Protein backbone atom coordinates (compact mmCIF):
# COMPACT_ATOMS: atom_id res chain seq x y z
CA MET A 1 -66.28 2.45 -35.70
CA THR A 2 -65.75 4.36 -32.45
CA ARG A 3 -68.52 3.84 -29.91
CA SER A 4 -69.55 6.26 -27.16
CA PRO A 5 -68.45 5.03 -23.71
CA ARG A 6 -71.30 7.02 -22.17
CA ASP A 7 -73.88 5.11 -24.24
CA PHE A 8 -72.13 1.82 -23.45
CA TYR A 9 -72.22 2.32 -19.68
CA ASP A 10 -75.68 3.88 -19.64
CA SER A 11 -76.91 0.69 -21.30
CA LEU A 12 -74.86 -1.65 -19.09
CA ALA A 13 -75.60 0.01 -15.74
CA ALA A 14 -78.68 -2.05 -14.90
CA ASP A 15 -76.84 -5.32 -15.61
CA TYR A 16 -73.28 -4.49 -14.52
CA HIS A 17 -73.56 -6.48 -11.28
CA ARG A 18 -74.12 -9.57 -13.42
CA THR A 19 -70.46 -9.54 -14.48
CA PHE A 20 -69.48 -10.65 -10.95
CA LEU A 21 -69.91 -14.10 -9.45
CA ASP A 22 -71.07 -12.32 -6.28
CA TRP A 23 -71.15 -8.53 -6.50
CA ASP A 24 -71.36 -7.88 -2.75
CA ALA A 25 -68.44 -10.20 -2.14
CA SER A 26 -66.48 -8.34 -4.82
CA ILE A 27 -67.32 -4.99 -3.19
CA ALA A 28 -65.89 -6.22 0.11
CA ARG A 29 -62.84 -7.89 -1.41
CA GLN A 30 -61.86 -4.93 -3.59
CA ALA A 31 -62.42 -2.47 -0.74
CA ALA A 32 -59.98 -4.45 1.39
CA VAL A 33 -57.33 -4.16 -1.34
CA PHE A 34 -57.76 -0.43 -1.87
CA ASP A 35 -58.15 0.33 1.83
CA GLY A 36 -54.88 -1.49 2.46
CA LEU A 37 -53.11 0.49 -0.25
CA LEU A 38 -54.48 3.79 1.06
CA ARG A 39 -53.49 3.12 4.66
CA GLY A 40 -50.12 1.75 3.62
CA GLU A 41 -49.20 4.67 1.36
CA LEU A 42 -50.76 7.75 2.98
CA ASP A 43 -49.69 9.41 6.21
CA GLY A 44 -51.93 9.03 9.23
CA PRO A 45 -54.59 6.41 9.95
CA GLY A 46 -57.37 8.03 7.93
CA PRO A 47 -60.16 8.14 7.09
CA TYR A 48 -59.24 9.79 3.79
CA ARG A 49 -61.04 11.97 1.28
CA VAL A 50 -61.33 9.74 -1.78
CA LEU A 51 -62.60 10.40 -5.29
CA ASP A 52 -63.56 7.41 -7.41
CA CYS A 53 -63.57 9.16 -10.78
CA ALA A 54 -64.95 6.19 -12.74
CA CYS A 55 -67.23 4.78 -10.08
CA GLY A 56 -69.63 2.90 -12.33
CA ILE A 57 -72.34 1.35 -10.16
CA GLY A 58 -70.13 1.67 -7.08
CA THR A 59 -68.03 -1.48 -6.82
CA GLN A 60 -65.00 0.27 -5.29
CA ALA A 61 -66.69 3.43 -3.96
CA ILE A 62 -69.29 1.62 -1.84
CA GLY A 63 -66.72 -0.61 -0.18
CA LEU A 64 -64.38 2.29 0.58
CA ALA A 65 -67.26 4.29 2.04
CA ARG A 66 -68.23 1.35 4.23
CA ALA A 67 -64.59 1.19 5.38
CA GLY A 68 -65.06 4.70 6.78
CA HIS A 69 -63.51 6.88 4.08
CA ARG A 70 -65.21 10.05 2.85
CA VAL A 71 -65.90 9.01 -0.72
CA VAL A 72 -67.27 10.87 -3.73
CA GLY A 73 -68.04 8.92 -6.90
CA SER A 74 -68.17 10.38 -10.39
CA ASP A 75 -68.79 8.69 -13.70
CA LEU A 76 -69.35 9.62 -17.33
CA SER A 77 -72.60 7.63 -17.17
CA THR A 78 -75.39 9.42 -15.34
CA VAL A 79 -77.30 6.12 -15.15
CA ALA A 80 -74.37 4.33 -13.49
CA ALA A 81 -73.65 7.16 -11.04
CA THR A 82 -77.32 7.30 -10.03
CA ARG A 83 -77.39 3.55 -9.42
CA ALA A 84 -74.16 3.76 -7.39
CA ALA A 85 -75.78 6.27 -5.01
CA ALA A 86 -78.89 4.09 -4.64
CA GLU A 87 -76.88 0.90 -4.06
CA ALA A 88 -74.74 2.67 -1.46
CA ALA A 89 -77.81 3.92 0.40
CA ALA A 90 -79.30 0.42 0.38
CA ARG A 91 -76.13 -0.85 2.07
CA GLY A 92 -75.93 1.93 4.64
CA ALA A 93 -72.95 3.65 3.00
CA ASP A 94 -72.57 7.43 2.68
CA LEU A 95 -71.70 8.08 -0.96
CA SER A 96 -72.40 11.19 -2.99
CA THR A 97 -72.12 10.87 -6.77
CA ALA A 98 -71.95 13.10 -9.81
CA ALA A 99 -72.04 12.62 -13.57
CA ALA A 100 -68.68 13.86 -14.86
CA ASP A 101 -66.10 13.32 -17.56
CA MET A 102 -62.75 12.51 -15.93
CA ARG A 103 -61.13 14.98 -18.33
CA GLN A 104 -63.18 17.79 -16.72
CA LEU A 105 -63.78 16.96 -13.08
CA PRO A 106 -66.20 19.31 -11.26
CA PHE A 107 -64.16 19.50 -8.05
CA GLY A 108 -61.80 22.04 -6.56
CA ARG A 109 -58.02 21.94 -6.55
CA GLY A 110 -56.41 19.71 -3.93
CA VAL A 111 -59.60 18.58 -2.19
CA PHE A 112 -58.88 14.83 -2.14
CA ASP A 113 -56.27 12.66 -0.44
CA ALA A 114 -56.63 9.92 -3.07
CA VAL A 115 -58.12 9.34 -6.50
CA VAL A 116 -59.19 5.86 -7.59
CA CYS A 117 -59.69 5.07 -11.28
CA ALA A 118 -60.33 1.34 -11.62
CA ASP A 119 -61.76 -1.37 -13.87
CA ASN A 120 -59.95 -0.46 -17.10
CA SER A 121 -61.73 2.89 -17.33
CA ILE A 122 -58.83 4.77 -18.94
CA ALA A 123 -58.87 2.34 -21.87
CA HIS A 124 -61.82 4.36 -23.22
CA LEU A 125 -59.49 7.37 -23.62
CA LEU A 126 -58.47 6.71 -27.21
CA THR A 127 -55.71 9.31 -27.62
CA THR A 128 -52.65 10.24 -25.61
CA GLU A 129 -54.03 13.78 -25.36
CA ASP A 130 -57.23 12.53 -23.70
CA LEU A 131 -55.31 10.24 -21.35
CA GLU A 132 -53.00 13.05 -20.26
CA ALA A 133 -55.95 15.46 -19.86
CA ALA A 134 -57.68 13.00 -17.52
CA LEU A 135 -54.53 12.42 -15.48
CA ARG A 136 -53.92 16.16 -15.17
CA GLU A 137 -57.44 16.53 -13.78
CA MET A 138 -56.82 13.72 -11.29
CA ARG A 139 -53.63 15.50 -10.22
CA ARG A 140 -55.42 18.84 -9.95
CA VAL A 141 -58.03 17.58 -7.49
CA LEU A 142 -55.40 15.80 -5.36
CA ARG A 143 -53.54 17.51 -2.54
CA ASP A 144 -49.76 17.56 -2.79
CA GLY A 145 -48.54 14.14 -1.77
CA GLY A 146 -51.94 12.61 -2.53
CA LEU A 147 -52.27 9.15 -3.98
CA LEU A 148 -53.38 7.89 -7.39
CA LEU A 149 -54.66 4.30 -7.65
CA LEU A 150 -55.19 3.29 -11.27
CA THR A 151 -56.04 -0.18 -12.61
CA LEU A 152 -55.88 -1.51 -16.16
CA ARG A 153 -55.96 -4.79 -18.02
CA ASP A 154 -52.56 -6.34 -18.69
CA TYR A 155 -52.43 -5.15 -22.28
CA ASP A 156 -48.73 -5.71 -22.90
CA GLU A 157 -49.32 -9.30 -23.96
CA ALA A 158 -52.61 -8.49 -25.71
CA ARG A 159 -50.87 -5.97 -27.97
CA ARG A 160 -48.59 -8.79 -29.12
CA THR A 161 -51.15 -11.59 -29.54
CA ARG A 162 -54.31 -9.60 -30.42
CA PRO A 163 -56.85 -11.97 -28.82
CA ALA A 164 -60.21 -12.21 -30.58
CA SER A 165 -62.25 -12.83 -27.43
CA VAL A 166 -62.39 -12.91 -23.65
CA PRO A 167 -63.45 -16.22 -22.06
CA PRO A 168 -67.07 -16.46 -20.85
CA GLN A 169 -67.93 -15.82 -17.21
CA VAL A 170 -70.95 -17.29 -15.48
CA SER A 171 -72.61 -15.46 -12.59
CA HIS A 172 -75.60 -16.39 -10.45
CA ALA A 173 -78.43 -14.13 -9.31
CA SER A 174 -81.94 -14.59 -7.97
CA ASP A 175 -83.29 -14.88 -11.51
CA GLY A 176 -80.74 -17.47 -12.62
CA ARG A 177 -77.40 -17.59 -14.37
CA THR A 178 -75.94 -14.91 -16.63
CA ILE A 179 -73.21 -15.62 -19.17
CA THR A 180 -70.94 -12.71 -20.10
CA PHE A 181 -68.27 -12.71 -22.81
CA GLN A 182 -66.55 -10.32 -25.21
CA LEU A 183 -65.46 -10.37 -28.84
CA TRP A 184 -62.60 -8.04 -29.80
CA HIS A 185 -62.11 -6.63 -33.30
CA TRP A 186 -58.67 -5.06 -33.59
CA HIS A 187 -58.01 -1.91 -35.59
CA ASP A 188 -55.22 -1.88 -38.14
CA ASP A 189 -53.06 0.21 -35.78
CA GLY A 190 -52.79 -2.83 -33.44
CA GLU A 191 -53.57 -0.57 -30.51
CA ARG A 192 -57.34 -0.02 -30.48
CA TYR A 193 -60.13 -2.55 -30.69
CA ASP A 194 -63.91 -2.57 -30.97
CA GLN A 195 -65.57 -4.63 -28.27
CA GLU A 196 -68.82 -6.57 -28.57
CA TYR A 197 -69.97 -7.15 -25.02
CA PHE A 198 -72.47 -10.02 -24.81
CA GLN A 199 -74.69 -10.94 -21.89
CA LEU A 200 -77.01 -13.95 -22.02
CA LEU A 201 -79.75 -13.60 -19.42
CA PRO A 202 -82.27 -16.29 -18.44
CA ASP A 203 -85.55 -15.96 -20.32
CA GLY A 204 -87.97 -18.79 -19.59
CA ASP A 205 -86.50 -21.94 -21.10
CA GLY A 206 -84.05 -19.94 -23.20
CA TRP A 207 -81.85 -16.86 -23.18
CA GLU A 208 -82.22 -13.16 -23.81
CA VAL A 209 -79.12 -11.84 -25.58
CA ARG A 210 -77.99 -8.29 -24.85
CA VAL A 211 -75.10 -6.82 -26.84
CA ARG A 212 -73.30 -3.54 -26.16
CA HIS A 213 -70.48 -1.98 -28.14
CA ALA A 214 -67.47 0.09 -27.13
CA THR A 215 -64.04 1.01 -28.45
CA SER A 216 -60.98 0.66 -26.22
CA ARG A 217 -57.27 1.40 -26.38
CA ALA A 218 -54.90 -1.34 -25.30
CA LEU A 219 -52.52 0.83 -23.27
CA THR A 220 -49.18 -0.67 -22.29
CA ARG A 221 -47.74 -0.15 -18.85
CA ARG A 222 -44.97 1.99 -20.35
CA GLU A 223 -47.52 4.26 -22.04
CA VAL A 224 -49.48 4.69 -18.83
CA THR A 225 -46.35 5.23 -16.75
CA ASP A 226 -45.12 7.93 -19.13
CA ALA A 227 -48.52 9.68 -19.09
CA VAL A 228 -48.69 9.51 -15.28
CA ARG A 229 -45.27 11.15 -15.00
CA SER A 230 -46.22 13.80 -17.57
CA ALA A 231 -49.23 14.71 -15.41
CA ALA A 232 -46.96 15.62 -12.45
CA PHE A 233 -47.07 12.37 -10.52
CA THR A 234 -43.95 10.76 -9.10
CA GLY A 235 -42.83 7.22 -8.42
CA PRO A 236 -45.41 5.28 -10.43
CA THR A 237 -45.20 1.63 -9.39
CA TRP A 238 -47.14 -1.34 -10.75
CA HIS A 239 -48.52 -4.04 -8.45
CA ALA A 240 -49.38 -7.38 -10.04
CA PRO A 241 -52.60 -9.20 -9.09
CA ALA A 242 -50.63 -11.88 -7.29
CA ASP A 243 -49.16 -9.21 -5.01
CA SER A 244 -52.06 -6.79 -4.56
CA GLY A 245 -55.01 -9.18 -4.55
CA PHE A 246 -56.79 -7.06 -7.16
CA TYR A 247 -57.82 -8.72 -10.42
CA GLN A 248 -55.99 -6.17 -12.62
CA PRO A 249 -52.50 -4.63 -12.36
CA VAL A 250 -52.60 -1.53 -10.11
CA CYS A 251 -50.50 1.58 -10.74
CA VAL A 252 -49.75 3.58 -7.59
CA ALA A 253 -48.31 7.10 -7.88
CA ARG A 254 -47.92 10.26 -5.79
CA ALA A 255 -49.03 13.77 -6.62
CA ALA A 256 -45.80 15.79 -6.85
């Protein structure tokens, strides 16, 4: 059963920070990775006009704004985008946000130097048509020669082995530990899977269990590379976590 990604992220927005061992440390660490890629790939010292088109609660957008870039965040989830703006303000970062589907971005042609789309967001685009529509929109809002930074799980191996779960993660907050884990239920096509996203939150002497559901598409690097090229980007290159310092593979491409 296909689940709405908007409903999934609306529900998760208040607890999304709990997926990180230390969310503020992750903001700083990920910003350093993306800032380095931007300054290494784009002409001039910056700052740059950056769109984070799947900003969530602001993990990448806040850090890039604090690094001095002019950042706009958009997200399918109104709840997440609203929280991103509030979290940015609380940290002294200038971040404007909007609720928007990445397949129909509410921005003009060529207004950004870079578009960031991180944290496996494109996996919620369940057809090649939707993936290509989103990438065309990212290209449209980029200036010629602008940069696309896209991150995705390493699904090449997952498509072969079809894992049934993702190992638990334990994070710490002022109210105690949170345990997060996922169960995956693969479709017969071997490409899509339904995700049960569990969070166990401290509740007195026990736990409160929160479960969200989403459907994702396990896109291979070849599939993403082909779609990026079809959307008028050139030179797509993949950077492994060991090289980039980011926790997922990063695809870097130029707007033709």
